[in-house]
Amino acid sequence: MHKPTLAERRHELVQRCAEQRTGLAFELRALRPSAIVDNPVAGYVAGHKKLVLGGLAAVAALAMTRRRRLAGLAGSAMSAWRLAQGALGMLARYRG
């Protein structure tokens, strides 16, 4: 029975690690959104999320300013949200 030397064991471990790195790189490449979607528009959206979301927010803001009632409701909701956040912060300060 042959007991492997330390150098042989090290060489085997290095080979195994290289195989695992290669397999992991392949799996990660397959999981990327651009690899999943073949549509170029969807690939662009997946790659530039912040830009697309900023554009959608601007379009939504323009749509809301066109409808004054909806804009007023959104403003009231934001005011109520800020008031609630302040009240919760004050309660947390008095509790702790």
N, C-alpha and C. Protein backbone atom coordinates (compact mmCIF):
# COMPACT_ATOMS: atom_id res chain seq x y z
N MET A 1 0.84 -1.17 0.00
CA MET A 1 0.00 0.00 0.00
C MET A 1 0.90 1.25 0.00
N HIS A 2 0.60 2.15 -0.93
CA HIS A 2 1.42 3.34 -1.12
C HIS A 2 0.75 4.53 -0.45
N LYS A 3 1.43 5.13 0.48
CA LYS A 3 0.92 6.33 1.14
C LYS A 3 1.42 7.53 0.35
N PRO A 4 0.49 8.42 -0.10
CA PRO A 4 0.94 9.55 -0.91
C PRO A 4 1.78 10.52 -0.09
N THR A 5 2.76 11.09 -0.76
CA THR A 5 3.61 12.07 -0.08
C THR A 5 2.86 13.39 0.02
N LEU A 6 3.41 14.27 0.80
CA LEU A 6 2.78 15.59 0.99
C LEU A 6 2.72 16.36 -0.33
N ALA A 7 3.75 16.27 -1.12
CA ALA A 7 3.78 16.95 -2.42
C ALA A 7 2.71 16.38 -3.36
N GLU A 8 2.52 15.07 -3.34
CA GLU A 8 1.48 14.45 -4.19
C GLU A 8 0.09 14.88 -3.76
N ARG A 9 -0.13 14.89 -2.46
CA ARG A 9 -1.44 15.33 -1.95
C ARG A 9 -1.71 16.78 -2.31
N ARG A 10 -0.66 17.62 -2.19
CA ARG A 10 -0.80 19.04 -2.53
C ARG A 10 -1.14 19.18 -4.01
N HIS A 11 -0.45 18.44 -4.87
CA HIS A 11 -0.70 18.50 -6.31
C HIS A 11 -2.15 18.09 -6.63
N GLU A 12 -2.64 17.05 -5.99
CA GLU A 12 -4.03 16.61 -6.20
C GLU A 12 -5.02 17.68 -5.76
N LEU A 13 -4.74 18.31 -4.61
CA LEU A 13 -5.64 19.36 -4.12
C LEU A 13 -5.65 20.56 -5.05
N VAL A 14 -4.50 20.92 -5.57
CA VAL A 14 -4.42 22.05 -6.51
C VAL A 14 -5.22 21.74 -7.77
N GLN A 15 -5.13 20.51 -8.26
CA GLN A 15 -5.89 20.11 -9.44
C GLN A 15 -7.39 20.14 -9.16
N ARG A 16 -7.80 19.63 -7.99
CA ARG A 16 -9.22 19.62 -7.64
C ARG A 16 -9.77 21.04 -7.52
N CYS A 17 -8.98 21.93 -6.91
CA CYS A 17 -9.41 23.33 -6.77
C CYS A 17 -9.57 24.00 -8.14
N ALA A 18 -8.65 23.71 -9.05
CA ALA A 18 -8.73 24.27 -10.39
C ALA A 18 -10.00 23.79 -11.10
N GLU A 19 -10.32 22.51 -10.95
CA GLU A 19 -11.55 21.98 -11.55
C GLU A 19 -12.79 22.63 -10.95
N GLN A 20 -12.79 22.83 -9.64
CA GLN A 20 -13.94 23.45 -8.99
C GLN A 20 -14.09 24.90 -9.41
N ARG A 21 -12.98 25.63 -9.54
CA ARG A 21 -13.05 27.03 -9.99
C ARG A 21 -13.62 27.11 -11.41
N THR A 22 -13.18 26.20 -12.26
CA THR A 22 -13.69 26.18 -13.64
C THR A 22 -15.18 25.89 -13.66
N GLY A 23 -15.61 24.91 -12.88
CA GLY A 23 -17.03 24.58 -12.83
C GLY A 23 -17.86 25.71 -12.26
N LEU A 24 -17.35 26.38 -11.23
CA LEU A 24 -18.07 27.49 -10.63
C LEU A 24 -18.18 28.66 -11.60
N ALA A 25 -17.11 28.95 -12.32
CA ALA A 25 -17.14 30.03 -13.31
C ALA A 25 -18.18 29.74 -14.38
N PHE A 26 -18.25 28.49 -14.83
CA PHE A 26 -19.24 28.10 -15.84
C PHE A 26 -20.66 28.28 -15.31
N GLU A 27 -20.90 27.84 -14.06
CA GLU A 27 -22.23 27.97 -13.47
C GLU A 27 -22.63 29.42 -13.26
N LEU A 28 -21.70 30.25 -12.80
CA LEU A 28 -22.00 31.66 -12.61
C LEU A 28 -22.30 32.36 -13.93
N ARG A 29 -21.57 32.01 -14.96
CA ARG A 29 -21.83 32.60 -16.28
C ARG A 29 -23.22 32.23 -16.77
N ALA A 30 -23.65 31.01 -16.46
CA ALA A 30 -24.98 30.56 -16.89
C ALA A 30 -26.09 31.25 -16.10
N LEU A 31 -25.79 31.70 -14.88
CA LEU A 31 -26.81 32.34 -14.05
C LEU A 31 -26.95 33.83 -14.28
N ARG A 32 -26.06 34.43 -15.01
CA ARG A 32 -26.15 35.87 -15.25
C ARG A 32 -27.42 36.19 -16.03
N PRO A 33 -28.06 37.33 -15.68
CA PRO A 33 -29.31 37.69 -16.38
C PRO A 33 -29.11 37.86 -17.88
N SER A 34 -27.99 38.37 -18.32
CA SER A 34 -27.78 38.56 -19.75
C SER A 34 -27.65 37.22 -20.47
N ALA A 35 -27.22 36.17 -19.75
CA ALA A 35 -27.13 34.85 -20.38
C ALA A 35 -28.50 34.18 -20.43
N ILE A 36 -29.36 34.51 -19.49
CA ILE A 36 -30.69 33.91 -19.46
C ILE A 36 -31.58 34.50 -20.55
N VAL A 37 -31.47 35.81 -20.74
CA VAL A 37 -32.34 36.50 -21.68
C VAL A 37 -31.61 36.69 -23.01
N ASP A 38 -32.24 36.24 -24.09
CA ASP A 38 -31.64 36.40 -25.41
C ASP A 38 -32.06 37.70 -26.09
N ASN A 39 -33.10 38.35 -25.57
CA ASN A 39 -33.59 39.59 -26.13
C ASN A 39 -32.60 40.71 -25.81
N PRO A 40 -32.14 41.48 -26.81
CA PRO A 40 -31.15 42.54 -26.53
C PRO A 40 -31.70 43.65 -25.64
N VAL A 41 -32.99 43.96 -25.75
CA VAL A 41 -33.58 45.01 -24.91
C VAL A 41 -33.60 44.54 -23.45
N ALA A 42 -34.01 43.32 -23.21
CA ALA A 42 -34.03 42.79 -21.85
C ALA A 42 -32.61 42.67 -21.31
N GLY A 43 -31.65 42.34 -22.14
CA GLY A 43 -30.25 42.30 -21.70
C GLY A 43 -29.75 43.67 -21.30
N TYR A 44 -30.16 44.71 -22.06
CA TYR A 44 -29.78 46.08 -21.72
C TYR A 44 -30.39 46.50 -20.38
N VAL A 45 -31.68 46.17 -20.21
CA VAL A 45 -32.37 46.52 -18.96
C VAL A 45 -31.69 45.82 -17.78
N ALA A 46 -31.33 44.57 -17.94
CA ALA A 46 -30.68 43.84 -16.85
C ALA A 46 -29.31 44.42 -16.54
N GLY A 47 -28.63 44.94 -17.53
CA GLY A 47 -27.31 45.51 -17.32
C GLY A 47 -27.30 46.94 -16.82
N HIS A 48 -28.40 47.67 -17.04
CA HIS A 48 -28.47 49.09 -16.67
C HIS A 48 -29.72 49.36 -15.83
N LYS A 49 -29.86 48.65 -14.73
CA LYS A 49 -31.07 48.75 -13.90
C LYS A 49 -31.29 50.15 -13.36
N LYS A 50 -30.24 50.79 -12.86
CA LYS A 50 -30.41 52.11 -12.25
C LYS A 50 -30.89 53.14 -13.27
N LEU A 51 -30.33 53.10 -14.45
CA LEU A 51 -30.72 54.04 -15.49
C LEU A 51 -32.17 53.83 -15.90
N VAL A 52 -32.56 52.59 -16.08
CA VAL A 52 -33.93 52.28 -16.48
C VAL A 52 -34.92 52.67 -15.38
N LEU A 53 -34.59 52.34 -14.13
CA LEU A 53 -35.48 52.70 -13.03
C LEU A 53 -35.59 54.22 -12.86
N GLY A 54 -34.49 54.93 -13.08
CA GLY A 54 -34.54 56.40 -13.03
C GLY A 54 -35.44 56.97 -14.10
N GLY A 55 -35.35 56.41 -15.30
CA GLY A 55 -36.24 56.86 -16.38
C GLY A 55 -37.70 56.56 -16.09
N LEU A 56 -37.96 55.38 -15.54
CA LEU A 56 -39.35 55.05 -15.18
C LEU A 56 -39.87 55.96 -14.08
N ALA A 57 -39.02 56.32 -13.14
CA ALA A 57 -39.44 57.24 -12.07
C ALA A 57 -39.76 58.62 -12.64
N ALA A 58 -38.97 59.07 -13.61
CA ALA A 58 -39.24 60.36 -14.23
C ALA A 58 -40.56 60.34 -15.00
N VAL A 59 -40.82 59.25 -15.70
CA VAL A 59 -42.09 59.12 -16.43
C VAL A 59 -43.25 59.07 -15.45
N ALA A 60 -43.10 58.36 -14.35
CA ALA A 60 -44.17 58.29 -13.35
C ALA A 60 -44.40 59.65 -12.71
N ALA A 61 -43.34 60.41 -12.47
CA ALA A 61 -43.49 61.75 -11.90
C ALA A 61 -44.23 62.68 -12.87
N LEU A 62 -43.90 62.58 -14.15
CA LEU A 62 -44.62 63.39 -15.14
C LEU A 62 -46.09 63.00 -15.22
N ALA A 63 -46.36 61.72 -15.14
CA ALA A 63 -47.75 61.26 -15.18
C ALA A 63 -48.52 61.77 -13.96
N MET A 64 -47.86 61.80 -12.81
CA MET A 64 -48.54 62.27 -11.60
C MET A 64 -48.78 63.77 -11.63
N THR A 65 -47.86 64.53 -12.18
CA THR A 65 -48.06 65.98 -12.22
C THR A 65 -49.16 66.35 -13.20
N ARG A 66 -49.42 65.50 -14.14
CA ARG A 66 -50.52 65.77 -15.07
C ARG A 66 -51.87 65.64 -14.37
N ARG A 67 -51.94 64.75 -13.45
CA ARG A 67 -53.18 64.54 -12.72
C ARG A 67 -53.01 65.12 -11.32
N ARG A 68 -53.59 66.27 -11.10
CA ARG A 68 -53.35 66.99 -9.86
C ARG A 68 -53.91 66.26 -8.65
N ARG A 69 -55.00 65.57 -8.81
CA ARG A 69 -55.56 64.85 -7.67
C ARG A 69 -54.62 63.73 -7.23
N LEU A 70 -54.11 63.01 -8.18
CA LEU A 70 -53.19 61.93 -7.86
C LEU A 70 -51.91 62.47 -7.24
N ALA A 71 -51.44 63.61 -7.75
CA ALA A 71 -50.24 64.22 -7.18
C ALA A 71 -50.51 64.69 -5.76
N GLY A 72 -51.69 65.25 -5.52
CA GLY A 72 -52.04 65.69 -4.17
C GLY A 72 -52.13 64.52 -3.21
N LEU A 73 -52.69 63.43 -3.69
CA LEU A 73 -52.80 62.23 -2.87
C LEU A 73 -51.41 61.67 -2.55
N ALA A 74 -50.55 61.66 -3.54
CA ALA A 74 -49.18 61.18 -3.32
C ALA A 74 -48.44 62.08 -2.32
N GLY A 75 -48.66 63.38 -2.43
CA GLY A 75 -48.03 64.32 -1.49
C GLY A 75 -48.54 64.11 -0.07
N SER A 76 -49.83 63.88 0.05
CA SER A 76 -50.39 63.62 1.38
C SER A 76 -49.86 62.32 1.95
N ALA A 77 -49.75 61.31 1.12
CA ALA A 77 -49.23 60.03 1.58
C ALA A 77 -47.78 60.17 2.03
N MET A 78 -46.98 60.94 1.30
CA MET A 78 -45.59 61.15 1.69
C MET A 78 -45.50 61.92 3.01
N SER A 79 -46.38 62.91 3.20
CA SER A 79 -46.38 63.66 4.45
C SER A 79 -46.75 62.75 5.62
N ALA A 80 -47.75 61.92 5.41
CA ALA A 80 -48.15 60.98 6.47
C ALA A 80 -47.02 60.00 6.76
N TRP A 81 -46.33 59.54 5.73
CA TRP A 81 -45.22 58.61 5.92
C TRP A 81 -44.10 59.26 6.73
N ARG A 82 -43.77 60.51 6.41
CA ARG A 82 -42.72 61.22 7.15
C ARG A 82 -43.12 61.44 8.60
N LEU A 83 -44.38 61.77 8.82
CA LEU A 83 -44.88 61.97 10.18
C LEU A 83 -44.80 60.67 10.97
N ALA A 84 -45.18 59.56 10.34
CA ALA A 84 -45.13 58.27 11.02
C ALA A 84 -43.68 57.87 11.31
N GLN A 85 -42.76 58.12 10.38
CA GLN A 85 -41.35 57.81 10.61
C GLN A 85 -40.80 58.61 11.78
N GLY A 86 -41.17 59.90 11.86
CA GLY A 86 -40.73 60.73 12.98
C GLY A 86 -41.28 60.24 14.30
N ALA A 87 -42.56 59.87 14.30
CA ALA A 87 -43.18 59.38 15.53
C ALA A 87 -42.55 58.06 15.97
N LEU A 88 -42.28 57.16 15.04
CA LEU A 88 -41.64 55.89 15.38
C LEU A 88 -40.22 56.12 15.90
N GLY A 89 -39.52 57.07 15.32
CA GLY A 89 -38.17 57.38 15.80
C GLY A 89 -38.20 57.92 17.22
N MET A 90 -39.18 58.78 17.51
CA MET A 90 -39.31 59.35 18.85
C MET A 90 -39.67 58.26 19.86
N LEU A 91 -40.58 57.35 19.48
CA LEU A 91 -40.94 56.24 20.36
C LEU A 91 -39.75 55.34 20.63
N ALA A 92 -38.94 55.09 19.60
CA ALA A 92 -37.77 54.24 19.78
C ALA A 92 -36.77 54.90 20.70
N ARG A 93 -36.65 56.23 20.63
CA ARG A 93 -35.71 56.94 21.50
C ARG A 93 -36.16 56.88 22.96
N TYR A 94 -37.47 57.00 23.20
CA TYR A 94 -37.97 56.96 24.58
C TYR A 94 -37.96 55.54 25.16
N ARG A 95 -38.11 54.55 24.31
CA ARG A 95 -38.08 53.15 24.78
C ARG A 95 -36.69 52.74 25.20
N GLY A 96 -35.70 53.11 24.36
CA GLY A 96 -34.34 52.62 24.57
C GLY A 96 -33.63 53.41 25.58
